[in-house]
Amino acid sequence: MSQLRVLHLITAAETGGAETFLCRLLSRLPRERFKSRVVCMVRPGHVGGRIRALGIPLATLGMRRGLPSVGAVRKLMEMLQDFQPDVVQTWLHHADLLGLVAARLAVESNLVWNLRNSRLDAAPWTTRAVVWLCARLSRLPEAVLTNSETARDQHRALGFRPRRFEVLPNGIDCGEFRPDPAAREALRKEFGISPETPLAGMLARHAPMKNHAGFLRAAALVLKELPEARFLLCGTGVTQVNRELMAQVNQAGLRGRVILAGYRQDAPRVLNSLDALCVPSAYGEGFPNAAAEAMSCGVPCAATDTGDAARVVGDTGRVVPPNDEPALSRALVELLTLPPDQRTALAGRCRERIATEFSLDAAARAYASFYEELAGRR
């Protein structure tokens, strides 16, 4: 049987959840069954290098953010005609729209949109316009995928009416994200934190939807109960040169209690250093990757009820309403003060839940079956 050709079009290849999951998916799709290529609308970032390291060809359309480009459409059409994909998989709204235009003009293939975020509260008007247009055109792709039930439901509320709408959750590599006592010791030593210090963390890029300000306000409340606690924040833009973030740290009275570690490529080691992970998102989450990754490492989570956080966390952590810092602080205190035997038992339940319900191998099998079934229907 010949390989199934799949071309993935994504807005960028930076450090977001969609880009990271695409890279992981490509690492698991069987090469004997699938021939993959990736095209970025703008210049690729960190994840682009990881995709190329897998041996997957990656090209860019050279677009500038916020600016439409007829030349990019022509360039993408040429790539499609050269590769002749069986499936064109687009990721995120802007890529969905561009992929629809180019694929309709260039090749006969199965076009599949992939929607990730669930709300657009702080999106610029240009993005809202793209989403509005996608909603009106949503019956044209062969299928639309999402990584969360929440994203599916909220896109339906926005007017999306695809012929086929399916939820394929993200998956976590439980071999990469696993309990690692040596990493815990090494990272705490690197950050100057003793083994006994209660440590809560947040791993997310700096963006309004991720709600770093809310986490910092909750952390200040945690200190009233646990003065010895410390807080570790990692992600793109999460550094001391970020004036907005530093102002929020100072306003919360957390100077000297918070470590701003910026973007790190050793997420499994960072997660192992924590006693609890916080996912304080105010809106817009689909599938909370950070929560699932932490749980796979045996680290329990306190999360706001956004996206499918409640579905992922289940009964292994705490889920509270969005923008409720007192409730979030209480959830963190509960997790940070668990007795050792209860902490060990909870760590095992966290990891088991991810391995059973949200593993990367299971996600890759679901995508592989979907692509093959879709191509067989053409």
Protein backbone atom coordinates (compact mmCIF):
# COMPACT_ATOMS: atom_id res chain seq x y z
CA MET A 1 0.00 0.00 0.00
CA SER A 2 1.36 3.43 -0.94
CA GLN A 3 1.92 6.07 1.70
CA LEU A 4 -0.89 8.47 2.48
CA ARG A 5 0.27 12.02 1.75
CA VAL A 6 -0.72 14.57 4.40
CA LEU A 7 0.17 18.25 4.18
CA HIS A 8 -0.18 20.22 7.42
CA LEU A 9 -0.69 23.98 7.19
CA ILE A 10 -0.23 25.92 10.42
CA THR A 11 0.04 29.60 11.21
CA ALA A 12 3.45 29.28 12.87
CA ALA A 13 5.70 26.69 14.50
CA GLU A 14 6.33 28.39 17.81
CA THR A 15 5.58 27.22 21.33
CA GLY A 16 1.79 27.08 21.36
CA GLY A 17 -0.31 24.03 22.11
CA ALA A 18 -1.32 23.36 18.50
CA GLU A 19 2.26 23.55 17.23
CA THR A 20 3.57 21.35 20.04
CA PHE A 21 0.91 18.72 19.50
CA LEU A 22 1.48 18.69 15.74
CA CYS A 23 5.16 17.99 16.36
CA ARG A 24 4.31 15.15 18.74
CA LEU A 25 1.74 13.72 16.35
CA LEU A 26 4.26 13.67 13.52
CA SER A 27 6.70 11.78 15.74
CA ARG A 28 4.14 8.98 16.16
CA LEU A 29 2.42 8.66 12.77
CA PRO A 30 3.89 5.51 11.15
CA ARG A 31 6.30 6.54 8.39
CA GLU A 32 5.50 3.44 6.35
CA ARG A 33 1.85 4.58 6.16
CA PHE A 34 2.14 8.36 6.09
CA LYS A 35 4.26 10.85 4.17
CA SER A 36 3.96 14.22 5.90
CA ARG A 37 4.93 17.78 5.10
CA VAL A 38 4.44 20.96 7.14
CA VAL A 39 3.93 24.48 5.81
CA CYS A 40 4.03 27.52 8.13
CA MET A 41 2.31 30.73 7.14
CA VAL A 42 4.92 32.86 8.91
CA ARG A 43 8.52 32.24 9.83
CA PRO A 44 8.81 29.07 11.98
CA GLY A 45 9.99 29.28 15.57
CA HIS A 46 11.17 26.80 18.23
CA VAL A 47 8.87 23.94 17.24
CA GLY A 48 9.87 24.29 13.60
CA GLY A 49 13.35 23.08 14.44
CA ARG A 50 11.94 20.09 16.30
CA ILE A 51 9.75 19.18 13.32
CA ARG A 52 12.73 19.32 10.97
CA ALA A 53 14.73 17.19 13.43
CA LEU A 54 12.11 14.46 12.90
CA GLY A 55 13.04 14.43 9.22
CA ILE A 56 9.73 16.05 8.21
CA PRO A 57 10.08 18.66 5.43
CA LEU A 58 9.00 22.11 6.63
CA ALA A 59 8.51 25.18 4.46
CA THR A 60 7.25 28.69 5.06
CA LEU A 61 5.03 31.00 3.04
CA GLY A 62 6.91 34.02 4.40
CA MET A 63 3.78 35.92 5.41
CA ARG A 64 3.76 38.84 7.83
CA ARG A 65 1.42 38.67 10.78
CA GLY A 66 -1.87 40.47 10.24
CA LEU A 67 -1.36 41.01 6.51
CA PRO A 68 -3.13 38.98 3.80
CA SER A 69 -1.00 37.94 0.86
CA VAL A 70 -2.02 36.89 -2.65
CA GLY A 71 1.55 35.73 -3.16
CA ALA A 72 1.23 33.34 -0.22
CA VAL A 73 -1.88 31.80 -1.78
CA ARG A 74 0.00 31.24 -5.05
CA LYS A 75 2.99 29.78 -3.21
CA LEU A 76 0.80 27.40 -1.22
CA MET A 77 -1.01 26.33 -4.41
CA GLU A 78 2.34 25.47 -5.99
CA MET A 79 3.31 23.41 -2.93
CA LEU A 80 0.00 21.55 -3.05
CA GLN A 81 0.33 20.83 -6.76
CA ASP A 82 3.88 19.57 -6.23
CA PHE A 83 3.04 17.31 -3.25
CA GLN A 84 -0.45 16.19 -4.37
CA PRO A 85 -1.66 15.41 -0.81
CA ASP A 86 -4.45 12.97 -0.05
CA VAL A 87 -5.32 15.07 3.01
CA VAL A 88 -4.73 18.76 3.69
CA GLN A 89 -4.86 19.29 7.45
CA THR A 90 -5.00 22.94 8.53
CA TRP A 91 -4.43 24.10 12.10
CA LEU A 92 -6.05 27.25 13.59
CA HIS A 93 -8.45 29.71 11.99
CA HIS A 94 -6.12 31.68 9.72
CA ALA A 95 -4.62 28.50 8.29
CA ASP A 96 -8.11 27.03 7.93
CA LEU A 97 -9.21 29.92 5.73
CA LEU A 98 -6.01 30.07 3.66
CA GLY A 99 -5.97 26.30 3.22
CA LEU A 100 -9.57 26.32 2.02
CA VAL A 101 -8.84 28.91 -0.67
CA ALA A 102 -5.62 27.30 -1.90
CA ALA A 103 -6.81 23.70 -1.78
CA ARG A 104 -10.01 24.51 -3.69
CA LEU A 105 -8.00 26.18 -6.44
CA ALA A 106 -5.03 23.81 -6.63
CA VAL A 107 -5.77 20.13 -5.98
CA GLU A 108 -8.41 17.51 -5.41
CA SER A 109 -7.84 16.47 -1.80
CA ASN A 110 -9.62 16.03 1.49
CA LEU A 111 -9.47 19.29 3.44
CA VAL A 112 -9.71 19.05 7.23
CA TRP A 113 -9.83 22.03 9.56
CA ASN A 114 -8.50 21.79 13.12
CA LEU A 115 -9.94 24.19 15.71
CA ARG A 116 -8.17 24.51 19.06
CA ASN A 117 -9.15 27.50 21.19
CA SER A 118 -12.68 27.72 22.54
CA ARG A 119 -13.31 31.47 22.99
CA LEU A 120 -12.19 34.70 21.36
CA ASP A 121 -12.70 37.24 24.15
CA ALA A 122 -9.49 39.18 23.57
CA ALA A 123 -8.91 38.40 19.91
CA PRO A 124 -8.21 41.33 17.55
CA TRP A 125 -10.91 42.33 15.10
CA THR A 126 -8.98 40.77 12.22
CA THR A 127 -9.07 37.37 13.90
CA ARG A 128 -12.77 37.79 14.70
CA ALA A 129 -13.37 38.56 11.02
CA VAL A 130 -11.49 35.41 9.98
CA VAL A 131 -13.51 33.31 12.43
CA TRP A 132 -16.77 34.84 11.21
CA LEU A 133 -15.85 33.99 7.63
CA CYS A 134 -14.75 30.47 8.58
CA ALA A 135 -18.10 29.90 10.27
CA ARG A 136 -19.93 30.81 7.03
CA LEU A 137 -17.67 28.50 5.02
CA SER A 138 -17.54 25.64 7.52
CA ARG A 139 -19.59 23.24 5.37
CA LEU A 140 -16.92 23.23 2.66
CA PRO A 141 -14.15 21.18 4.37
CA GLU A 142 -14.63 17.42 4.42
CA ALA A 143 -14.43 17.54 8.21
CA VAL A 144 -13.61 19.77 11.17
CA LEU A 145 -11.63 18.47 14.15
CA THR A 146 -11.22 19.91 17.63
CA ASN A 147 -9.13 18.81 20.59
CA SER A 148 -11.88 19.46 23.14
CA GLU A 149 -15.61 19.19 23.55
CA THR A 150 -15.65 22.79 24.76
CA ALA A 151 -14.05 24.07 21.55
CA ARG A 152 -16.59 22.13 19.50
CA ASP A 153 -19.55 23.47 21.44
CA GLN A 154 -18.33 27.07 21.42
CA HIS A 155 -17.60 27.01 17.70
CA ARG A 156 -21.10 25.74 17.11
CA ALA A 157 -22.31 28.75 19.07
CA LEU A 158 -20.24 30.93 16.70
CA GLY A 159 -22.12 29.49 13.74
CA PHE A 160 -19.89 26.62 12.61
CA ARG A 161 -21.96 23.96 10.86
CA PRO A 162 -19.55 21.43 9.34
CA ARG A 163 -20.67 18.26 7.65
CA ARG A 164 -18.55 16.28 10.08
CA PHE A 165 -17.42 17.58 13.48
CA GLU A 166 -15.20 15.33 15.60
CA VAL A 167 -13.29 15.65 18.87
CA LEU A 168 -9.81 14.08 18.88
CA PRO A 169 -8.10 14.95 22.19
CA ASN A 170 -4.41 15.71 22.44
CA GLY A 171 -2.08 13.02 23.70
CA ILE A 172 0.88 13.05 26.08
CA ASP A 173 4.10 11.07 25.67
CA CYS A 174 4.13 9.26 28.99
CA GLY A 175 7.70 8.11 28.35
CA GLU A 176 8.93 11.70 28.05
CA PHE A 177 6.66 13.06 30.79
CA ARG A 178 7.24 10.72 33.74
CA PRO A 179 8.13 10.96 37.42
CA ASP A 180 11.82 11.74 37.79
CA PRO A 181 13.17 12.30 41.34
CA ALA A 182 16.63 13.15 40.01
CA ALA A 183 15.20 15.93 37.84
CA ARG A 184 13.26 17.25 40.83
CA GLU A 185 16.44 17.47 42.88
CA ALA A 186 18.49 19.03 40.07
CA LEU A 187 15.92 21.69 39.13
CA ARG A 188 15.32 22.73 42.71
CA LYS A 189 19.06 23.04 43.19
CA GLU A 190 19.28 25.15 40.01
CA PHE A 191 16.56 27.50 41.24
CA GLY A 192 17.84 27.60 44.83
CA ILE A 193 14.77 25.89 46.32
CA SER A 194 15.12 23.35 49.12
CA PRO A 195 13.58 19.86 48.75
CA GLU A 196 11.04 20.64 51.50
CA THR A 197 9.79 23.98 50.14
CA PRO A 198 6.20 23.85 48.80
CA LEU A 199 6.51 24.81 45.14
CA ALA A 200 3.63 25.64 42.80
CA GLY A 201 4.19 26.47 39.16
CA MET A 202 2.64 27.74 35.98
CA LEU A 203 3.88 26.79 32.50
CA ALA A 204 2.37 29.04 29.82
CA ARG A 205 3.35 31.76 27.38
CA HIS A 206 2.57 35.30 28.51
CA ALA A 207 -0.87 36.08 27.08
CA PRO A 208 -4.08 37.54 28.52
CA MET A 209 -6.01 34.27 28.28
CA LYS A 210 -3.37 32.45 30.36
CA ASN A 211 -4.04 34.88 33.25
CA HIS A 212 -0.65 35.27 34.90
CA ALA A 213 -2.08 38.18 36.89
CA GLY A 214 -4.74 35.93 38.39
CA PHE A 215 -2.15 33.31 39.29
CA LEU A 216 -0.02 35.92 41.05
CA ARG A 217 -3.01 37.20 43.04
CA ALA A 218 -3.83 33.63 44.05
CA ALA A 219 -0.17 33.06 45.00
CA ALA A 220 -0.28 36.07 47.32
CA LEU A 221 -3.26 34.48 49.09
CA VAL A 222 -1.41 31.15 49.31
CA LEU A 223 1.43 32.88 51.16
CA LYS A 224 -0.98 33.91 53.91
CA GLU A 225 -1.50 30.20 54.64
CA LEU A 226 1.94 28.93 53.60
CA PRO A 227 4.56 31.68 54.07
CA GLU A 228 7.31 29.26 53.05
CA ALA A 229 5.77 28.53 49.60
CA ARG A 230 7.48 29.58 46.38
CA PHE A 231 6.24 29.94 42.80
CA LEU A 232 7.89 29.06 39.48
CA LEU A 233 6.66 30.52 36.18
CA CYS A 234 7.97 29.38 32.80
CA GLY A 235 6.99 30.27 29.25
CA THR A 236 7.67 32.61 26.36
CA GLY A 237 7.71 36.19 27.63
CA VAL A 238 7.79 35.17 31.29
CA THR A 239 10.98 36.98 32.27
CA GLN A 240 12.09 39.94 34.34
CA VAL A 241 12.32 42.14 31.23
CA ASN A 242 8.53 41.87 30.90
CA ARG A 243 7.54 45.14 32.58
CA GLU A 244 3.84 44.30 32.75
CA LEU A 245 4.54 40.99 34.46
CA MET A 246 7.06 42.49 36.86
CA ALA A 247 4.54 45.17 37.83
CA GLN A 248 2.04 42.43 38.64
CA VAL A 249 4.64 40.57 40.71
CA ASN A 250 5.38 43.72 42.71
CA GLN A 251 1.72 44.61 43.08
CA ALA A 252 1.03 41.17 44.55
CA GLY A 253 3.93 41.56 46.98
CA LEU A 254 5.74 38.54 45.56
CA ARG A 255 9.21 39.91 44.87
CA GLY A 256 11.68 37.28 46.07
CA ARG A 257 8.97 34.61 46.16
CA VAL A 258 8.56 34.12 42.40
CA ILE A 259 11.01 32.72 39.84
CA LEU A 260 10.47 33.88 36.25
CA ALA A 261 12.33 31.30 34.17
CA GLY A 262 11.23 32.22 30.64
CA TYR A 263 10.92 29.68 27.84
CA ARG A 264 12.50 26.31 28.64
CA GLN A 265 12.96 23.25 26.51
CA ASP A 266 13.07 20.87 29.48
CA ALA A 267 9.40 20.93 30.49
CA PRO A 268 9.43 17.38 31.96
CA ARG A 269 12.28 18.32 34.32
CA VAL A 270 10.59 21.59 35.30
CA LEU A 271 7.28 19.86 36.01
CA ASN A 272 9.01 17.27 38.20
CA SER A 273 10.33 20.06 40.42
CA LEU A 274 6.78 21.10 41.35
CA ASP A 275 4.42 19.99 44.09
CA ALA A 276 1.43 21.37 42.19
CA LEU A 277 0.79 22.90 38.79
CA CYS A 278 -1.66 25.76 38.35
CA VAL A 279 -3.65 26.33 35.14
CA PRO A 280 -5.41 29.64 35.92
CA SER A 281 -6.68 30.43 32.39
CA ALA A 282 -9.41 33.05 32.24
CA TYR A 283 -10.83 31.87 28.90
CA GLY A 284 -9.90 30.34 25.57
CA GLU A 285 -8.51 26.98 26.65
CA GLY A 286 -9.25 23.90 24.60
CA PHE A 287 -7.22 20.93 25.79
CA PRO A 288 -4.91 22.02 28.65
CA ASN A 289 -1.62 20.41 27.64
CA ALA A 290 0.28 21.66 30.68
CA ALA A 291 -2.17 19.99 33.05
CA ALA A 292 -1.95 16.65 31.24
CA GLU A 293 1.85 16.83 31.07
CA ALA A 294 2.12 17.57 34.79
CA MET A 295 -0.24 14.73 35.65
CA SER A 296 1.82 12.35 33.53
CA CYS A 297 4.78 13.37 35.72
CA GLY A 298 2.72 12.61 38.83
CA VAL A 299 2.11 16.28 39.67
CA PRO A 300 -1.49 17.20 40.62
CA CYS A 301 -3.17 20.27 39.16
CA ALA A 302 -5.32 23.15 40.32
CA ALA A 303 -7.13 24.46 37.25
CA THR A 304 -9.90 26.82 36.32
CA ASP A 305 -12.94 25.34 34.63
CA THR A 306 -12.05 26.47 31.11
CA GLY A 307 -11.93 24.32 28.02
CA ASP A 308 -11.77 20.63 28.86
CA ALA A 309 -9.74 21.11 32.05
CA ALA A 310 -12.34 19.34 34.18
CA ARG A 311 -12.38 16.41 31.76
CA VAL A 312 -8.59 16.08 31.89
CA VAL A 313 -8.09 16.61 35.63
CA GLY A 314 -11.06 14.50 36.74
CA ASP A 315 -10.88 13.59 40.42
CA THR A 316 -7.07 13.79 40.59
CA GLY A 317 -6.83 17.53 41.29
CA ARG A 318 -8.93 20.62 41.88
CA VAL A 319 -11.08 22.55 39.38
CA VAL A 320 -12.45 25.99 40.33
CA PRO A 321 -14.40 28.72 38.52
CA PRO A 322 -12.39 31.09 36.27
CA ASN A 323 -11.23 34.39 37.79
CA ASP A 324 -11.87 33.19 41.36
CA GLU A 325 -8.49 33.74 42.99
CA PRO A 326 -9.63 32.83 46.54
CA ALA A 327 -10.92 29.46 45.30
CA LEU A 328 -7.76 28.91 43.27
CA SER A 329 -5.56 29.71 46.27
CA ARG A 330 -7.51 27.28 48.47
CA ALA A 331 -7.09 24.57 45.85
CA LEU A 332 -3.33 25.18 45.71
CA VAL A 333 -3.01 25.13 49.50
CA GLU A 334 -4.86 21.80 49.64
CA LEU A 335 -2.50 20.25 47.10
CA LEU A 336 0.66 21.75 48.61
CA THR A 337 -0.15 20.50 52.12
CA LEU A 338 -1.05 16.89 51.32
CA PRO A 339 0.56 14.35 53.68
CA PRO A 340 3.31 12.27 52.00
CA ASP A 341 1.26 9.09 51.72
CA GLN A 342 -1.69 10.91 50.14
CA ARG A 343 0.64 12.78 47.79
CA THR A 344 2.18 9.52 46.60
CA ALA A 345 -1.21 7.93 46.02
CA LEU A 346 -2.49 10.99 44.16
CA ALA A 347 0.62 11.09 41.96
CA GLY A 348 -0.07 7.53 40.88
CA ARG A 349 -3.69 8.32 40.06
CA CYS A 350 -2.66 11.38 38.04
CA ARG A 351 -0.26 9.40 35.88
CA GLU A 352 -2.66 6.49 35.45
CA ARG A 353 -5.41 8.81 34.22
CA ILE A 354 -3.21 10.27 31.47
CA ALA A 355 -1.76 6.91 30.43
CA THR A 356 -5.23 5.40 30.23
CA GLU A 357 -7.21 8.21 28.61
CA PHE A 358 -4.86 10.75 27.03
CA SER A 359 -1.70 9.01 25.82
CA LEU A 360 0.13 10.17 22.70
CA ASP A 361 0.00 6.70 21.16
CA ALA A 362 -3.79 6.65 21.49
CA ALA A 363 -4.04 10.13 19.94
CA ALA A 364 -1.78 9.14 17.02
CA ARG A 365 -3.85 6.01 16.38
CA ALA A 366 -7.02 8.13 16.33
CA TYR A 367 -5.55 10.58 13.81
CA ALA A 368 -4.11 7.79 11.66
CA SER A 369 -7.45 5.99 11.51
CA PHE A 370 -9.25 9.25 10.75
CA TYR A 371 -6.92 10.19 7.87
CA GLU A 372 -7.05 6.72 6.34
CA GLU A 373 -10.82 6.50 6.63
CA LEU A 374 -11.22 9.97 5.15
CA ALA A 375 -8.92 9.29 2.21
CA GLY A 376 -10.68 6.02 1.54
CA ARG A 377 -13.99 7.90 1.23
CA ARG A 378 -12.79 10.36 -1.40
